[in-house]
N, C-alpha and C. Protein backbone atom coordinates (compact mmCIF):
# COMPACT_ATOMS: atom_id res chain seq x y z
N MET A 1 20.46 0.20 -4.67
CA MET A 1 19.36 1.09 -4.92
C MET A 1 18.93 1.69 -3.57
N PRO A 2 19.48 2.82 -3.21
CA PRO A 2 19.05 3.44 -1.96
C PRO A 2 17.64 3.98 -2.08
N ILE A 3 16.95 3.93 -0.98
CA ILE A 3 15.57 4.38 -0.96
C ILE A 3 15.35 5.20 0.30
N THR A 4 14.62 6.26 0.19
CA THR A 4 14.33 7.10 1.34
C THR A 4 12.90 6.83 1.78
N VAL A 5 12.77 6.43 3.03
CA VAL A 5 11.46 6.16 3.60
C VAL A 5 11.32 7.00 4.84
N LYS A 6 10.22 7.73 4.95
CA LYS A 6 10.02 8.58 6.12
C LYS A 6 9.83 7.74 7.38
N ASP A 7 9.04 6.68 7.26
CA ASP A 7 8.78 5.80 8.39
C ASP A 7 8.73 4.37 7.87
N ILE A 8 9.57 3.52 8.43
CA ILE A 8 9.67 2.15 7.95
C ILE A 8 8.34 1.41 8.11
N ALA A 9 7.53 1.82 9.06
CA ALA A 9 6.23 1.18 9.29
C ALA A 9 5.28 1.38 8.11
N ASP A 10 5.56 2.36 7.25
CA ASP A 10 4.71 2.59 6.08
C ASP A 10 4.77 1.45 5.08
N ILE A 11 5.82 0.63 5.11
CA ILE A 11 5.97 -0.46 4.16
C ILE A 11 5.03 -1.63 4.49
N PHE A 12 4.77 -1.84 5.79
CA PHE A 12 3.93 -2.96 6.20
C PHE A 12 2.53 -2.83 5.62
N GLY A 13 2.03 -3.93 5.07
CA GLY A 13 0.67 -3.95 4.54
C GLY A 13 0.53 -3.43 3.12
N LYS A 14 1.63 -2.98 2.51
CA LYS A 14 1.54 -2.50 1.12
C LYS A 14 1.31 -3.67 0.17
N ASP A 15 0.56 -3.42 -0.88
CA ASP A 15 0.33 -4.43 -1.91
C ASP A 15 1.61 -4.63 -2.71
N VAL A 16 1.86 -5.88 -3.11
CA VAL A 16 3.06 -6.23 -3.87
C VAL A 16 2.65 -6.76 -5.24
N PHE A 17 3.27 -6.20 -6.28
CA PHE A 17 3.03 -6.60 -7.66
C PHE A 17 4.35 -6.94 -8.32
N THR A 18 4.31 -7.80 -9.36
CA THR A 18 5.52 -8.06 -10.13
C THR A 18 5.68 -6.94 -11.17
N GLY A 19 6.81 -6.91 -11.82
CA GLY A 19 7.07 -5.92 -12.85
C GLY A 19 6.13 -6.04 -14.03
N LYS A 20 5.49 -7.21 -14.19
CA LYS A 20 4.55 -7.42 -15.28
C LYS A 20 3.11 -7.18 -14.84
N GLY A 21 2.92 -6.73 -13.60
CA GLY A 21 1.59 -6.36 -13.13
C GLY A 21 0.80 -7.45 -12.42
N PHE A 22 1.43 -8.58 -12.13
CA PHE A 22 0.73 -9.65 -11.41
C PHE A 22 0.71 -9.35 -9.92
N TYR A 23 -0.46 -9.50 -9.30
CA TYR A 23 -0.60 -9.27 -7.86
C TYR A 23 0.00 -10.44 -7.10
N CYS A 24 0.78 -10.15 -6.05
CA CYS A 24 1.43 -11.19 -5.25
C CYS A 24 0.86 -11.31 -3.85
N GLY A 25 0.59 -10.22 -3.20
CA GLY A 25 0.11 -10.25 -1.83
C GLY A 25 0.45 -8.94 -1.13
N LYS A 26 0.69 -9.03 0.19
CA LYS A 26 1.00 -7.84 0.99
C LYS A 26 2.29 -8.05 1.78
N VAL A 27 3.00 -6.95 2.05
CA VAL A 27 4.21 -7.02 2.87
C VAL A 27 3.80 -7.32 4.30
N GLN A 28 4.34 -8.41 4.83
CA GLN A 28 3.99 -8.84 6.17
C GLN A 28 5.09 -8.49 7.17
N ASP A 29 6.35 -8.55 6.74
CA ASP A 29 7.47 -8.31 7.65
C ASP A 29 8.69 -7.90 6.86
N LEU A 30 9.69 -7.39 7.55
CA LEU A 30 10.96 -7.00 6.95
C LEU A 30 12.09 -7.67 7.71
N GLU A 31 13.17 -7.96 7.00
CA GLU A 31 14.38 -8.48 7.63
C GLU A 31 15.48 -7.45 7.40
N PHE A 32 16.16 -7.07 8.48
CA PHE A 32 17.17 -6.02 8.41
C PHE A 32 18.57 -6.57 8.57
N ASP A 33 19.54 -5.88 7.99
CA ASP A 33 20.96 -6.10 8.25
C ASP A 33 21.38 -4.91 9.12
N LEU A 34 21.37 -5.10 10.43
CA LEU A 34 21.62 -4.00 11.36
C LEU A 34 23.07 -3.51 11.32
N ALA A 35 23.99 -4.35 10.89
CA ALA A 35 25.39 -3.94 10.80
C ALA A 35 25.57 -2.90 9.69
N ARG A 36 24.75 -3.00 8.63
CA ARG A 36 24.87 -2.09 7.49
C ARG A 36 23.72 -1.10 7.41
N PHE A 37 22.73 -1.20 8.32
CA PHE A 37 21.57 -0.32 8.33
C PHE A 37 20.80 -0.39 7.01
N LYS A 38 20.56 -1.62 6.54
CA LYS A 38 19.86 -1.83 5.28
C LYS A 38 18.78 -2.90 5.46
N ILE A 39 17.81 -2.87 4.56
CA ILE A 39 16.80 -3.92 4.51
C ILE A 39 17.41 -5.10 3.76
N ARG A 40 17.32 -6.29 4.36
CA ARG A 40 17.86 -7.49 3.72
C ARG A 40 16.81 -8.16 2.83
N SER A 41 15.56 -8.24 3.33
CA SER A 41 14.52 -8.90 2.54
C SER A 41 13.13 -8.49 3.02
N LEU A 42 12.15 -8.77 2.18
CA LEU A 42 10.74 -8.54 2.50
C LEU A 42 10.07 -9.89 2.67
N VAL A 43 9.21 -10.00 3.65
CA VAL A 43 8.38 -11.20 3.81
C VAL A 43 7.00 -10.84 3.27
N ILE A 44 6.57 -11.58 2.25
CA ILE A 44 5.31 -11.28 1.60
C ILE A 44 4.30 -12.37 1.91
N GLU A 45 3.14 -11.95 2.38
CA GLU A 45 2.04 -12.87 2.62
C GLU A 45 1.34 -13.09 1.28
N ALA A 46 1.45 -14.30 0.75
CA ALA A 46 0.91 -14.60 -0.57
C ALA A 46 -0.61 -14.66 -0.53
N ALA A 47 -1.26 -13.95 -1.42
CA ALA A 47 -2.72 -13.96 -1.52
C ALA A 47 -3.16 -15.21 -2.27
N ARG A 48 -4.25 -15.81 -1.83
CA ARG A 48 -4.78 -16.99 -2.51
C ARG A 48 -5.20 -16.64 -3.92
N GLY A 49 -4.83 -17.49 -4.86
CA GLY A 49 -5.20 -17.28 -6.25
C GLY A 49 -4.32 -16.28 -6.97
N SER A 50 -3.36 -15.66 -6.26
CA SER A 50 -2.48 -14.69 -6.90
C SER A 50 -1.33 -15.42 -7.59
N PHE A 51 -0.56 -14.69 -8.37
CA PHE A 51 0.60 -15.25 -9.06
C PHE A 51 1.55 -15.89 -8.05
N LEU A 52 1.87 -15.19 -6.99
CA LEU A 52 2.79 -15.71 -5.98
C LEU A 52 2.15 -16.87 -5.21
N GLY A 53 0.86 -16.79 -4.96
CA GLY A 53 0.16 -17.87 -4.28
C GLY A 53 0.24 -19.18 -5.05
N LYS A 54 0.18 -19.10 -6.37
CA LYS A 54 0.31 -20.30 -7.21
C LYS A 54 1.74 -20.82 -7.20
N VAL A 55 2.72 -19.93 -7.12
CA VAL A 55 4.12 -20.34 -7.12
C VAL A 55 4.47 -21.07 -5.83
N VAL A 56 4.04 -20.55 -4.69
CA VAL A 56 4.42 -21.15 -3.40
C VAL A 56 3.47 -22.25 -2.96
N GLY A 57 2.39 -22.45 -3.66
CA GLY A 57 1.46 -23.53 -3.33
C GLY A 57 0.73 -23.27 -2.03
N GLY A 58 0.81 -24.21 -1.09
CA GLY A 58 0.08 -24.09 0.16
C GLY A 58 0.77 -23.24 1.21
N LYS A 59 1.94 -22.73 0.92
CA LYS A 59 2.67 -21.90 1.89
C LYS A 59 1.95 -20.57 2.05
N LYS A 60 2.14 -19.95 3.21
CA LYS A 60 1.47 -18.68 3.48
C LYS A 60 2.22 -17.48 2.95
N GLY A 61 3.53 -17.61 2.80
CA GLY A 61 4.29 -16.46 2.34
C GLY A 61 5.64 -16.86 1.81
N ILE A 62 6.40 -15.85 1.44
CA ILE A 62 7.71 -16.08 0.86
C ILE A 62 8.62 -14.91 1.22
N VAL A 63 9.92 -15.19 1.33
CA VAL A 63 10.92 -14.17 1.61
C VAL A 63 11.52 -13.73 0.28
N ILE A 64 11.43 -12.44 0.00
CA ILE A 64 11.96 -11.87 -1.24
C ILE A 64 13.22 -11.08 -0.90
N PRO A 65 14.38 -11.44 -1.47
CA PRO A 65 15.59 -10.65 -1.22
C PRO A 65 15.41 -9.22 -1.71
N TYR A 66 15.94 -8.27 -0.97
CA TYR A 66 15.73 -6.87 -1.30
C TYR A 66 16.23 -6.48 -2.70
N PRO A 67 17.30 -7.10 -3.22
CA PRO A 67 17.70 -6.74 -4.59
C PRO A 67 16.63 -7.02 -5.65
N MET A 68 15.63 -7.83 -5.33
CA MET A 68 14.54 -8.09 -6.28
C MET A 68 13.49 -6.98 -6.26
N VAL A 69 13.56 -6.09 -5.30
CA VAL A 69 12.59 -4.99 -5.20
C VAL A 69 12.98 -3.92 -6.21
N GLN A 70 12.04 -3.55 -7.07
CA GLN A 70 12.30 -2.52 -8.06
C GLN A 70 11.85 -1.14 -7.61
N ALA A 71 10.74 -1.08 -6.86
CA ALA A 71 10.24 0.22 -6.42
C ALA A 71 9.32 0.05 -5.21
N ILE A 72 9.33 1.08 -4.36
CA ILE A 72 8.41 1.15 -3.23
C ILE A 72 7.79 2.54 -3.25
N ALA A 73 6.49 2.58 -3.41
CA ALA A 73 5.74 3.85 -3.36
C ALA A 73 4.39 3.53 -2.75
N ASP A 74 3.30 3.75 -3.49
CA ASP A 74 1.98 3.36 -3.01
C ASP A 74 1.87 1.84 -2.96
N VAL A 75 2.59 1.17 -3.86
CA VAL A 75 2.68 -0.29 -3.89
C VAL A 75 4.15 -0.67 -3.98
N VAL A 76 4.44 -1.95 -3.77
CA VAL A 76 5.80 -2.46 -3.92
C VAL A 76 5.85 -3.25 -5.22
N ILE A 77 6.86 -2.99 -6.03
CA ILE A 77 7.04 -3.70 -7.29
C ILE A 77 8.31 -4.53 -7.20
N ILE A 78 8.16 -5.85 -7.48
CA ILE A 78 9.32 -6.74 -7.47
C ILE A 78 9.56 -7.26 -8.88
N LYS A 79 10.75 -7.79 -9.12
CA LYS A 79 11.06 -8.36 -10.43
C LYS A 79 10.17 -9.57 -10.68
N HIS A 80 9.76 -9.72 -11.92
CA HIS A 80 8.92 -10.85 -12.30
C HIS A 80 9.81 -12.07 -12.48
N VAL A 81 9.41 -13.17 -11.88
CA VAL A 81 10.16 -14.42 -11.99
C VAL A 81 9.27 -15.44 -12.68
N ALA A 82 9.74 -15.97 -13.78
CA ALA A 82 8.98 -17.00 -14.49
C ALA A 82 9.28 -18.34 -13.84
N THR A 83 8.25 -19.09 -13.56
CA THR A 83 8.41 -20.41 -12.96
C THR A 83 8.23 -21.47 -14.03
N PRO A 84 8.75 -22.67 -13.82
CA PRO A 84 8.53 -23.73 -14.81
C PRO A 84 7.05 -24.00 -15.04
N ALA A 85 6.25 -23.94 -13.98
CA ALA A 85 4.81 -24.18 -14.12
C ALA A 85 4.17 -23.08 -14.97
N ALA A 86 4.58 -21.84 -14.74
CA ALA A 86 4.04 -20.73 -15.52
C ALA A 86 4.46 -20.84 -16.98
N THR A 87 5.69 -21.29 -17.22
CA THR A 87 6.19 -21.45 -18.58
C THR A 87 5.41 -22.56 -19.29
N GLU A 88 5.13 -23.66 -18.56
CA GLU A 88 4.36 -24.74 -19.16
C GLU A 88 2.95 -24.28 -19.50
N ASP A 89 2.32 -23.51 -18.60
CA ASP A 89 0.97 -22.99 -18.86
C ASP A 89 0.97 -22.10 -20.09
N ALA A 90 1.99 -21.27 -20.23
CA ALA A 90 2.08 -20.38 -21.39
C ALA A 90 2.27 -21.19 -22.66
N GLY A 91 3.06 -22.26 -22.59
CA GLY A 91 3.27 -23.13 -23.75
C GLY A 91 1.99 -23.82 -24.17
N GLU A 92 1.21 -24.29 -23.19
CA GLU A 92 -0.07 -24.93 -23.49
C GLU A 92 -1.03 -23.94 -24.13
N LEU A 93 -1.05 -22.71 -23.65
CA LEU A 93 -1.93 -21.69 -24.22
C LEU A 93 -1.53 -21.40 -25.66
N ALA A 94 -0.22 -21.32 -25.93
CA ALA A 94 0.26 -21.05 -27.28
C ALA A 94 -0.14 -22.19 -28.22
N GLU A 95 -0.04 -23.45 -27.74
CA GLU A 95 -0.43 -24.58 -28.55
C GLU A 95 -1.92 -24.54 -28.86
N GLU A 96 -2.75 -24.20 -27.84
CA GLU A 96 -4.19 -24.11 -28.03
C GLU A 96 -4.54 -23.02 -29.03
N GLU A 97 -3.85 -21.87 -28.93
CA GLU A 97 -4.11 -20.77 -29.87
C GLU A 97 -3.74 -21.18 -31.29
N ALA A 98 -2.64 -21.94 -31.44
CA ALA A 98 -2.22 -22.38 -32.76
C ALA A 98 -3.26 -23.33 -33.35
N LEU A 99 -3.83 -24.20 -32.53
CA LEU A 99 -4.86 -25.13 -33.00
C LEU A 99 -6.11 -24.39 -33.42
N VAL A 100 -6.47 -23.34 -32.66
CA VAL A 100 -7.66 -22.57 -33.00
C VAL A 100 -7.46 -21.82 -34.31
N GLU A 101 -6.25 -21.26 -34.51
CA GLU A 101 -5.96 -20.51 -35.73
C GLU A 101 -5.97 -21.40 -36.97
N THR A 102 -5.49 -22.64 -36.83
CA THR A 102 -5.43 -23.52 -37.99
C THR A 102 -6.79 -24.12 -38.32
N ALA A 103 -7.69 -24.15 -37.34
CA ALA A 103 -9.00 -24.76 -37.57
C ALA A 103 -9.94 -23.85 -38.31
């Protein structure tokens, strides 16, 4: 997925969201493949209480491989990744909703 950027510095500090609209944090750094003149990955500073912040726990950030990036414009959109913890939370919510509906 080639992308045209006028100035690479414009990517720093952009808000990052998943494809499902969950806020993750901000772009903190980039990793380049200088042999191929491509971006290898984005380093995202996870915001406290955000989807990504819950996934990484006490860590400050995470490295996202560039193939996971879906779009870069006013914000950066990455592919949504379901975690086992998120799946368990969704299962618990579904069970609670089923109990409420039957009551």
